[in-house]
Protein backbone atom coordinates (compact mmCIF):
# COMPACT_ATOMS: atom_id res chain seq x y z
CA MET A 1 265.04 183.85 44.84
CA ASN A 2 263.84 180.34 44.43
CA SER A 3 260.31 181.36 44.96
CA VAL A 4 260.69 183.39 41.81
CA ILE A 5 262.28 180.63 39.59
CA ILE A 6 259.98 177.63 40.60
CA PRO A 7 256.78 178.80 39.13
CA ILE A 8 258.42 179.59 35.94
CA CYS A 9 260.27 176.12 35.72
CA VAL A 10 257.09 174.30 36.85
CA VAL A 11 254.77 175.98 34.24
CA THR A 12 257.20 175.61 31.53
CA ILE A 13 257.57 171.72 32.39
CA PHE A 14 253.98 171.32 32.70
CA ALA A 15 253.24 173.06 29.26
CA PHE A 16 255.99 170.79 27.71
CA TRP A 17 254.27 167.51 29.22
CA VAL A 18 250.78 168.85 28.00
CA ALA A 19 251.97 169.49 24.53
CA VAL A 20 253.83 166.21 24.02
CA ALA A 21 250.83 164.19 25.60
CA ALA A 22 248.54 165.70 23.41
CA ASN A 23 249.55 163.25 20.49
CA TYR A 24 251.55 160.75 22.45
CA GLY A 25 251.29 157.15 20.48
CA LYS A 26 249.29 158.48 17.82
CA ALA A 27 249.78 157.88 14.09
CA GLN A 28 250.27 161.04 12.13
CA ARG A 29 250.04 162.27 8.67
CA LEU A 30 250.81 166.03 7.70
CA GLU A 31 247.21 167.06 7.81
CA GLY A 32 246.90 165.82 11.44
CA TRP A 33 250.34 167.52 12.37
CA ALA A 34 249.79 170.89 10.56
CA VAL A 35 246.04 171.59 10.87
CA GLY A 36 244.61 168.98 13.61
CA ASN A 37 242.65 166.87 11.20
CA ARG A 38 240.44 169.78 10.87
CA ASN A 39 238.18 168.70 13.74
CA PHE A 40 238.46 171.70 16.32
CA GLY A 41 235.22 173.09 17.38
CA THR A 42 234.36 176.62 18.41
CA ILE A 43 235.91 176.69 21.76
CA LEU A 44 239.35 175.17 20.58
CA VAL A 45 239.46 177.32 17.71
CA PHE A 46 238.61 180.52 19.87
CA ILE A 47 241.38 179.55 22.24
CA LEU A 48 243.93 178.71 19.51
CA MET A 49 243.37 181.86 17.57
CA GLY A 50 243.59 183.81 20.88
CA GLY A 51 246.75 182.01 21.60
CA GLU A 52 248.33 183.24 18.36
CA LEU A 53 247.03 186.58 18.26
CA TYR A 54 247.57 187.77 22.05
CA THR A 55 250.99 187.13 22.52
CA THR A 56 253.96 188.69 24.10
CA PHE A 57 252.92 191.92 22.30
CA THR A 58 249.77 191.83 24.51
CA PHE A 59 251.69 191.15 27.75
CA LEU A 60 254.66 193.86 27.12
CA GLY A 61 254.13 195.65 23.85
CA GLY A 62 250.69 197.03 24.62
CA SER A 63 251.66 198.51 28.04
CA SER A 64 255.00 199.68 26.51
CA LEU A 65 253.03 201.44 23.83
CA ALA A 66 250.54 203.04 26.41
CA TYR A 67 253.70 204.07 28.51
CA ASN A 68 255.37 205.61 25.58
CA ASN A 69 252.83 207.18 23.42
CA GLY A 70 249.57 207.49 25.34
CA GLY A 71 246.39 207.55 23.31
CA VAL A 72 248.26 205.95 20.13
CA CYS A 73 247.75 202.63 21.85
CA TYR A 74 243.84 202.64 21.11
CA TYR A 75 244.87 201.81 17.56
CA ILE A 76 245.17 198.06 18.82
CA LEU A 77 241.56 198.33 20.28
CA CYS A 78 240.35 199.72 16.92
CA TYR A 79 241.76 197.32 14.26
CA SER A 80 240.72 193.79 15.69
CA PRO A 81 237.02 194.34 15.53
CA ILE A 82 237.19 195.62 12.03
CA ALA A 83 239.28 192.36 11.08
CA TYR A 84 236.52 190.24 12.75
CA ILE A 85 233.76 191.73 10.69
CA LEU A 86 235.98 190.93 7.58
CA GLY A 87 236.78 187.51 9.25
CA TYR A 88 232.98 186.75 9.54
CA TRP A 89 232.74 186.60 5.61
CA LEU A 90 236.24 185.64 4.65
CA ALA A 91 237.29 182.96 7.10
CA PRO A 92 234.37 180.60 6.15
CA ALA A 93 235.15 180.94 2.42
CA ILE A 94 238.85 180.19 3.05
CA TRP A 95 237.94 177.15 4.90
CA LYS A 96 235.36 175.83 2.47
CA TYR A 97 237.98 176.07 -0.26
CA ALA A 98 240.90 174.50 1.80
CA LYS A 99 238.43 171.73 2.78
CA GLU A 100 237.39 170.99 -0.69
CA HIS A 101 240.96 170.84 -1.95
CA ASN A 102 242.63 169.26 1.16
CA LEU A 103 244.99 172.29 1.70
CA VAL A 104 247.35 172.54 4.72
CA SER A 105 249.33 175.91 4.18
CA GLN A 106 248.50 179.40 3.03
CA ALA A 107 250.67 178.95 -0.15
CA ASP A 108 248.36 175.91 -0.99
CA PHE A 109 245.32 178.28 -1.14
CA PHE A 110 247.12 180.54 -3.87
CA ILE A 111 248.55 177.55 -5.69
CA HIS A 112 245.07 176.24 -6.23
CA LYS A 113 243.10 179.46 -6.68
CA TYR A 114 245.75 180.81 -9.33
CA ASN A 115 246.87 177.49 -10.74
CA SER A 116 250.58 178.64 -10.09
CA ARG A 117 253.20 177.03 -8.10
CA MET A 118 255.38 180.18 -8.77
CA LEU A 119 252.87 182.07 -7.26
CA GLY A 120 252.85 179.63 -4.17
CA MET A 121 256.55 180.00 -3.87
CA VAL A 122 256.24 183.74 -4.09
CA VAL A 123 253.36 183.55 -1.04
CA SER A 124 255.65 181.30 0.73
CA VAL A 125 258.69 183.51 0.64
CA ILE A 126 256.51 186.59 1.83
CA GLY A 127 255.00 184.54 4.45
CA PHE A 128 258.65 183.56 5.61
CA LEU A 129 259.82 187.00 5.69
CA SER A 130 256.72 188.26 7.54
CA LEU A 131 256.79 185.60 10.30
CA ILE A 132 260.29 185.54 11.10
CA PRO A 133 259.87 189.01 12.66
CA TYR A 134 256.80 187.70 14.54
CA LEU A 135 259.05 184.80 15.80
CA ILE A 136 261.60 187.11 16.94
CA LEU A 137 259.02 189.19 18.74
CA GLN A 138 258.11 185.93 20.76
CA ILE A 139 261.67 185.19 21.32
CA LYS A 140 262.71 188.68 22.36
CA GLY A 141 259.66 188.94 24.79
CA LEU A 142 260.42 185.52 26.19
CA GLY A 143 263.94 186.59 27.08
CA ILE A 144 262.73 189.85 28.64
CA ILE A 145 260.00 188.12 30.65
CA VAL A 146 262.05 185.34 32.34
CA SER A 147 265.15 187.72 32.83
CA GLU A 148 263.23 190.35 34.59
CA THR A 149 260.85 188.12 36.51
CA SER A 150 263.85 185.94 37.79
CA TYR A 151 265.51 189.11 38.93
CA GLY A 152 268.51 188.32 36.65
CA LEU A 153 269.00 184.88 38.02
CA ILE A 154 268.20 183.32 34.63
CA SER A 155 269.77 185.53 31.76
CA ALA A 156 267.68 186.41 28.74
CA ASN A 157 269.96 184.27 26.34
CA THR A 158 269.71 181.09 28.67
CA ALA A 159 265.85 181.38 28.97
CA ILE A 160 265.59 181.90 25.10
CA TRP A 161 267.61 178.85 24.32
CA ILE A 162 265.88 176.77 26.89
CA CYS A 163 262.44 177.60 25.89
CA SER A 164 263.27 177.55 22.23
CA LEU A 165 264.40 173.83 22.79
CA VAL A 166 261.24 173.06 24.53
CA MET A 167 259.19 174.70 21.66
CA VAL A 168 261.02 172.76 19.02
CA ILE A 169 260.74 169.34 20.54
CA TYR A 170 256.87 169.70 21.38
CA VAL A 171 256.14 170.96 17.78
CA MET A 172 258.26 168.30 16.16
CA ILE A 173 256.31 165.62 18.35
CA SER A 174 252.74 166.88 18.47
CA GLY A 175 252.28 169.63 15.97
CA MET A 176 249.01 171.51 16.24
CA HIS A 177 247.51 169.33 18.85
CA GLY A 178 250.33 170.30 21.22
CA SER A 179 249.92 173.94 20.73
CA VAL A 180 246.15 173.89 21.23
CA ARG A 181 246.53 172.08 24.58
CA VAL A 182 249.17 174.60 25.69
CA ALA A 183 247.06 177.44 24.39
CA VAL A 184 244.18 176.42 26.92
CA VAL A 185 246.67 176.67 30.03
CA LYS A 186 248.17 179.86 28.56
CA ASP A 187 244.74 181.58 28.04
CA ILE A 188 243.59 180.65 31.77
CA LEU A 189 246.88 182.19 33.17
CA ILE A 190 247.26 185.13 31.01
CA LEU A 191 243.43 186.25 31.44
CA ALA A 192 243.80 185.76 35.22
CA THR A 193 246.98 187.65 35.47
CA VAL A 194 246.16 190.70 33.20
CA PHE A 195 242.90 191.06 34.79
CA PHE A 196 244.27 191.01 38.30
CA LEU A 197 247.03 193.56 37.35
CA GLY A 198 244.56 195.89 35.56
CA ILE A 199 242.20 195.92 38.47
CA TYR A 200 244.64 195.72 41.56
CA LEU A 201 247.39 198.19 40.38
CA PRO A 202 245.19 201.26 40.05
CA ILE A 203 243.47 200.41 43.33
CA HIS A 204 246.80 199.83 44.99
CA TYR A 205 248.15 203.03 43.93
CA PHE A 206 245.41 205.54 43.41
CA GLY A 207 242.31 203.85 44.87
CA GLY A 208 240.66 203.01 41.67
CA ILE A 209 240.78 203.31 37.95
CA GLU A 210 238.87 206.41 37.85
CA SER A 211 241.12 208.26 40.15
CA MET A 212 244.33 207.06 38.42
CA ILE A 213 242.94 208.21 35.12
CA ASN A 214 242.02 211.81 36.73
CA THR A 215 245.48 211.82 38.09
CA LEU A 216 247.12 210.99 34.76
CA GLU A 217 245.04 213.69 33.04
CA SER A 218 246.06 216.43 35.56
CA THR A 219 249.80 215.42 35.27
CA LYS A 220 249.81 215.00 31.37
CA PRO A 221 246.53 216.65 29.92
CA THR A 222 247.04 215.55 26.36
CA PHE A 223 248.63 212.17 26.94
CA THR A 224 245.62 210.00 26.50
CA ILE A 225 244.78 211.45 22.94
CA VAL A 226 246.41 210.89 19.51
CA SER A 227 249.02 213.55 19.06
CA SER A 228 249.78 215.61 15.99
CA THR A 229 253.66 214.75 15.85
CA ASP A 230 255.30 211.32 14.96
CA PHE A 231 252.27 209.19 15.43
CA ASN A 232 249.59 211.36 14.00
CA PRO A 233 246.03 210.72 13.14
CA VAL A 234 247.04 209.64 9.63
CA TRP A 235 249.52 207.30 11.06
CA PHE A 236 246.75 206.07 13.44
CA VAL A 237 244.00 205.56 10.68
CA SER A 238 246.40 203.87 8.19
CA THR A 239 247.99 201.64 10.73
CA VAL A 240 244.35 200.58 11.96
CA LEU A 241 243.40 199.90 8.22
CA LEU A 242 246.70 197.94 7.52
CA SER A 243 246.35 195.96 10.61
CA ALA A 244 242.83 194.98 10.15
CA ILE A 245 243.68 193.86 6.70
CA GLY A 246 246.58 191.90 7.71
CA LEU A 247 245.06 190.16 10.68
CA TYR A 248 243.83 187.09 8.81
CA MET A 249 246.71 187.15 6.31
CA TRP A 250 249.33 185.50 8.47
CA PRO A 251 250.22 182.10 7.52
CA HIS A 252 249.98 180.61 10.95
CA GLY A 253 246.32 182.35 10.89
CA PHE A 254 245.35 180.35 7.75
CA THR A 255 246.60 177.30 9.43
CA SER A 256 244.50 177.97 12.40
CA LEU A 257 241.27 178.59 10.15
CA TYR A 258 242.08 174.96 8.69
CA THR A 259 241.73 173.55 11.92
CA ALA A 260 237.96 174.15 12.19
CA LYS A 261 235.64 171.33 11.69
CA SER A 262 233.17 173.54 9.89
CA SER A 263 232.64 176.96 8.52
CA ARG A 264 229.95 177.61 11.06
CA VAL A 265 232.71 177.36 13.81
CA LEU A 266 234.75 180.42 12.19
CA LYS A 267 231.57 182.55 11.94
CA ARG A 268 230.95 182.01 15.61
CA ASN A 269 234.78 182.56 16.28
CA ALA A 270 234.37 186.12 14.62
CA ILE A 271 231.57 187.13 16.82
CA VAL A 272 233.16 186.15 20.07
CA MET A 273 237.08 187.25 19.31
CA PRO A 274 236.25 190.69 20.10
CA LEU A 275 235.68 189.80 23.65
CA TYR A 276 239.71 189.44 24.03
CA GLN A 277 239.77 193.24 23.51
CA PHE A 278 238.66 193.54 27.20
CA LEU A 279 242.11 192.03 28.03
CA LEU A 280 243.90 194.98 26.03
CA MET A 281 241.99 197.65 28.07
CA PHE A 282 243.58 196.15 31.32
CA VAL A 283 247.05 196.15 29.43
CA PHE A 284 246.90 199.74 28.51
CA ILE A 285 245.56 200.62 32.17
CA ILE A 286 248.75 198.90 33.44
CA GLY A 287 250.77 201.09 31.10
CA PHE A 288 249.16 204.25 32.34
CA VAL A 289 249.97 203.38 35.99
CA ALA A 290 253.54 202.91 34.76
CA VAL A 291 253.50 206.58 33.58
CA LEU A 292 252.77 207.91 36.86
CA LYS A 293 254.64 205.44 39.04
CA LEU A 294 257.74 204.83 36.75
CA PRO A 295 258.30 208.08 35.13
CA GLY A 296 261.53 208.81 33.03
CA LEU A 297 262.20 205.17 31.56
CA ASP A 298 264.03 205.63 28.06
CA LYS A 299 262.67 203.85 24.98
CA SER A 300 265.48 201.19 25.48
CA GLN A 301 263.62 199.92 28.51
CA SER A 302 260.00 200.56 27.19
CA ASP A 303 259.31 196.62 26.72
CA LEU A 304 260.04 196.33 30.37
CA VAL A 305 257.48 198.68 31.79
CA LEU A 306 254.88 196.04 33.01
CA LEU A 307 257.62 193.90 34.64
CA LYS A 308 259.27 196.72 36.30
CA LEU A 309 255.94 197.71 37.96
CA VAL A 310 255.15 194.17 38.88
CA LYS A 311 258.51 193.93 40.55
CA GLN A 312 258.10 197.27 42.36
CA THR A 313 254.66 196.14 43.60
CA PHE A 314 254.67 192.49 44.61
CA ASN A 315 256.59 189.64 46.39
CA PRO A 316 258.97 187.61 44.61
CA TRP A 317 256.77 184.55 44.49
CA VAL A 318 253.90 186.76 42.96
CA VAL A 319 256.55 188.08 40.35
CA GLY A 320 257.36 184.47 39.41
CA ILE A 321 253.74 183.45 38.80
CA ILE A 322 253.24 186.43 36.66
CA GLY A 323 256.56 185.38 34.75
CA ALA A 324 255.39 181.91 34.27
CA ALA A 325 252.28 183.34 32.59
CA GLY A 326 254.39 185.52 30.38
CA VAL A 327 256.33 182.38 29.24
CA LEU A 328 253.31 180.94 27.71
CA THR A 329 252.40 184.03 25.63
CA ALA A 330 255.58 183.30 23.83
CA LEU A 331 255.38 179.47 23.77
CA VAL A 332 251.96 179.04 22.17
CA PRO A 333 252.29 181.60 19.26
CA GLY A 334 255.82 180.88 18.86
CA SER A 335 255.00 176.99 18.29
CA ILE A 336 252.18 177.77 15.87
CA ILE A 337 254.45 180.12 13.84
CA LEU A 338 257.21 177.32 13.69
CA LEU A 339 254.78 174.80 12.50
CA SER A 340 253.64 177.17 9.71
CA LEU A 341 256.91 178.16 8.85
CA ALA A 342 258.10 174.56 8.37
CA THR A 343 255.13 173.65 6.38
CA LEU A 344 255.60 176.66 4.01
CA LEU A 345 259.33 176.01 3.55
CA VAL A 346 259.19 172.22 2.68
CA LYS A 347 255.71 171.77 1.19
CA ASN A 348 255.76 175.17 -0.97
CA ILE A 349 259.51 176.15 -1.48
CA LEU A 350 261.41 172.95 -1.37
CA SER A 351 259.00 170.16 -2.53
CA PRO A 352 258.48 171.69 -6.06
CA PHE A 353 262.12 170.82 -6.74
CA THR A 354 262.04 167.35 -5.38
CA SER A 355 259.90 164.18 -5.78
CA LEU A 356 259.55 163.27 -2.11
CA SER A 357 256.94 160.76 -1.17
CA THR A 358 254.21 162.17 1.13
CA LYS A 359 255.79 160.21 4.38
CA ARG A 360 259.28 161.77 3.56
CA GLU A 361 257.79 165.34 2.91
CA PHE A 362 256.36 165.04 6.41
CA LEU A 363 259.50 163.81 8.03
CA LEU A 364 261.26 166.73 6.43
CA VAL A 365 258.69 169.37 7.52
CA ARG A 366 259.28 168.10 11.04
CA PHE A 367 262.98 168.08 11.02
CA SER A 368 262.92 171.63 9.48
CA VAL A 369 261.56 173.10 12.85
CA PRO A 370 264.91 173.15 14.65
CA ILE A 371 266.72 174.66 11.60
CA ILE A 372 264.05 177.52 11.36
CA MET A 373 264.28 178.08 15.02
CA LEU A 374 268.06 178.67 14.69
CA ILE A 375 267.48 181.14 11.77
CA ALA A 376 265.34 183.11 13.97
CA LEU A 377 267.79 182.99 16.91
CA ALA A 378 270.28 184.23 14.65
CA ALA A 379 268.05 187.14 13.38
CA TYR A 380 267.08 188.05 17.02
CA SER A 381 271.03 188.46 17.88
CA TYR A 382 271.20 191.06 15.36
CA GLY A 383 267.93 192.83 16.16
CA GLY A 384 267.27 195.96 18.42
CA GLN A 385 263.79 196.89 17.37
CA THR A 386 261.03 197.12 20.19
CA ILE A 387 258.45 194.74 20.12
CA VAL A 388 255.77 197.02 18.75
CA SER A 389 258.00 197.71 15.65
CA LEU A 390 258.57 194.17 14.96
CA LEU A 391 254.63 193.56 14.83
CA ILE A 392 254.12 196.43 12.72
CA VAL A 393 256.83 195.44 10.08
CA GLY A 394 255.25 191.90 10.11
CA TYR A 395 251.88 193.29 9.25
CA GLY A 396 253.27 195.62 6.44
CA LEU A 397 254.56 192.37 4.73
CA VAL A 398 251.90 189.95 5.22
CA SER A 399 249.08 192.32 4.14
CA GLN A 400 250.46 192.39 0.70
CA LEU A 401 248.63 188.99 0.15
CA PHE A 402 245.16 190.41 0.99
CA PRO A 403 244.29 192.01 -2.55
CA ALA A 404 244.97 188.57 -4.43
CA ILE A 405 242.88 186.57 -1.90
CA ILE A 406 239.90 189.03 -2.08
CA PHE A 407 239.74 189.13 -5.91
CA SER A 408 240.07 185.35 -6.02
CA PHE A 409 236.61 185.00 -4.55
CA SER A 410 235.01 187.29 -7.20
CA LYS A 411 232.77 185.61 -9.66
CA ARG A 412 235.17 187.08 -12.55
CA ASN A 413 238.45 187.51 -11.27
CA LEU A 414 240.10 190.48 -12.70
CA ILE A 415 243.46 189.20 -11.46
CA ASN A 416 245.75 186.59 -13.06
CA LYS A 417 248.69 184.98 -11.66
CA TYR A 418 251.07 187.20 -13.34
CA GLY A 419 249.50 190.25 -11.77
CA ALA A 420 249.27 188.68 -8.33
CA ILE A 421 253.02 187.58 -8.47
CA VAL A 422 254.36 190.90 -9.65
CA GLY A 423 252.06 192.96 -7.43
CA MET A 424 252.91 191.16 -4.26
CA LEU A 425 256.60 191.41 -5.14
CA SER A 426 256.33 195.19 -5.77
CA GLY A 427 254.60 195.88 -2.53
CA THR A 428 256.96 193.54 -0.48
CA ILE A 429 260.30 195.07 -2.19
CA PHE A 430 258.90 198.48 -1.16
CA MET A 431 258.31 197.47 2.29
CA LEU A 432 261.77 196.03 2.58
CA ILE A 433 263.39 199.13 1.27
CA SER A 434 261.49 201.16 3.65
CA ILE A 435 262.61 198.93 6.56
CA LEU A 436 266.12 198.37 5.61
CA THR A 437 266.97 201.91 4.27
CA PRO A 438 266.47 205.55 5.85
CA ILE A 439 264.46 206.38 2.72
CA ASP A 440 261.16 208.23 3.95
CA ILE A 441 258.69 208.59 1.12
CA ASN A 442 256.41 210.73 3.30
CA HIS A 443 258.34 213.63 2.17
CA ILE A 444 256.94 213.27 -1.38
CA LEU A 445 253.24 212.97 0.01
CA PRO A 446 250.94 215.85 0.41
CA SER A 447 251.32 217.40 4.05
CA SER A 448 247.96 216.06 4.60
CA LEU A 449 249.18 212.53 4.23
CA ASN A 450 252.17 212.74 6.29
CA GLY A 451 252.50 209.80 8.87
CA MET A 452 251.00 207.39 6.41
CA ASN A 453 251.98 203.88 7.36
CA ASN A 454 254.42 202.44 4.72
CA GLY A 455 252.44 199.24 4.60
CA ILE A 456 249.52 201.24 3.04
CA ILE A 457 251.71 202.81 0.62
CA ALA A 458 253.16 199.29 -0.27
CA LEU A 459 249.56 197.95 -0.64
CA ILE A 460 248.46 200.81 -3.12
CA ILE A 461 251.63 199.96 -5.36
CA ASN A 462 250.78 196.47 -5.06
CA VAL A 463 247.00 196.71 -6.32
CA ILE A 464 248.27 199.40 -9.12
CA VAL A 465 250.81 196.84 -10.29
CA MET A 466 248.57 193.83 -10.04
CA PHE A 467 245.92 195.53 -12.25
CA THR A 468 248.32 196.77 -14.75
CA VAL A 469 250.26 193.30 -15.13
CA SER A 470 247.08 191.53 -15.46
CA VAL A 471 245.59 193.49 -18.30
CA ILE A 472 249.08 193.19 -20.12
CA PHE A 473 249.52 189.41 -19.65
CA LYS A 474 245.66 188.71 -20.06
CA ASN A 475 245.23 185.21 -21.64
CA ARG A 476 248.65 184.21 -21.33
CA SER A 477 250.10 181.06 -19.86
CA VAL A 478 253.80 180.88 -19.29
CA LEU A 479 254.35 180.69 -15.56
CA ARG A 480 253.26 177.56 -13.72
């Protein structure tokens, strides 16, 4: 079994070396550590955003969703192109404002736009709440990948602790430069792995993709369409809308936007990013192959579909290479999330209550990275949700920032800081209640709206409250 462990260890060590070497011997400031001195070109921004968006969810969650729910998985193909159309106009506007005001975090944007540190703190807390599930997603996926592809020789918990330590050290040392270097390695490996599996597995078992689809249709005739049960068309459309709105709202997404050297880079990026959707099609094909070759897996094992199929098909050394590629799908987004969380925590939550110098603030940001990782590890130990569920929860929370951002670019902003604060809090509180309690608001909705994603309902509450409070507190100046 050494042939399994060696590729995983070699790739992890190589990724660590690449990340640390990215900034070795260079003097650093917070701007360079957090946003790469704003000098990344089209290719690096493309790789960086691909690294943060196409993660362990792509590697495990996509095939799991295809295996369990069939046609429902197509929602992932739908929302990203819509988000990139929005991003073509929105991302350059955010970048220009951030460049002009020297911003390094998402909360900085809101503080300057609405002239309110209180709003910045609210945004930071929402960002923290939304990113912790996303970081847990990477941790959970990492443990699954290493444990399964090592045939249990490395336990999930051991893998998580070792790789978390690797991630923490290279983020503290190299920041964004380290993440983008590892993202280059990750993209090469993961693209090669997923394309290979998506093409080889249908040919190996069925003679081709068309033959596999025909077999699936004859075996489970309605499997590849959106059902009328739990994940009905209302859920599908509302989840596509929520995810499209939320894609650019992630705090680490803002950080990646800030790294671009010009607004033109971000426009080009929005044009080429949909190419990554081809990757997802092959992930779904893997899930459909598993439906036929691994029938009967219960939902507790749904995140293991891709890995179980790989282990059934290939020799251990091939499994090890695939596992190594999977490790990088957790390390890259996990490192960017850690970086963003550390910046939010210190710069926008703690700093308003202190009088730290720029140098001390930067030092505190770096040393908060291991603390944040420990929080995520503690939260992971209590969580039992699937990878897909964790991602949708995060989107529901982070999308609450969208209305205030959109209105902030209007010539005459109808929303003030009071409306933005109370609106965001209302939507977020509703989302947290829907997550933490068994309350189901769909019972009071018209039957035609049954299945509505709670994130959309939270967003509607957010907007109504935002406008109402803005009108009530028009021309007042209390909160700073």
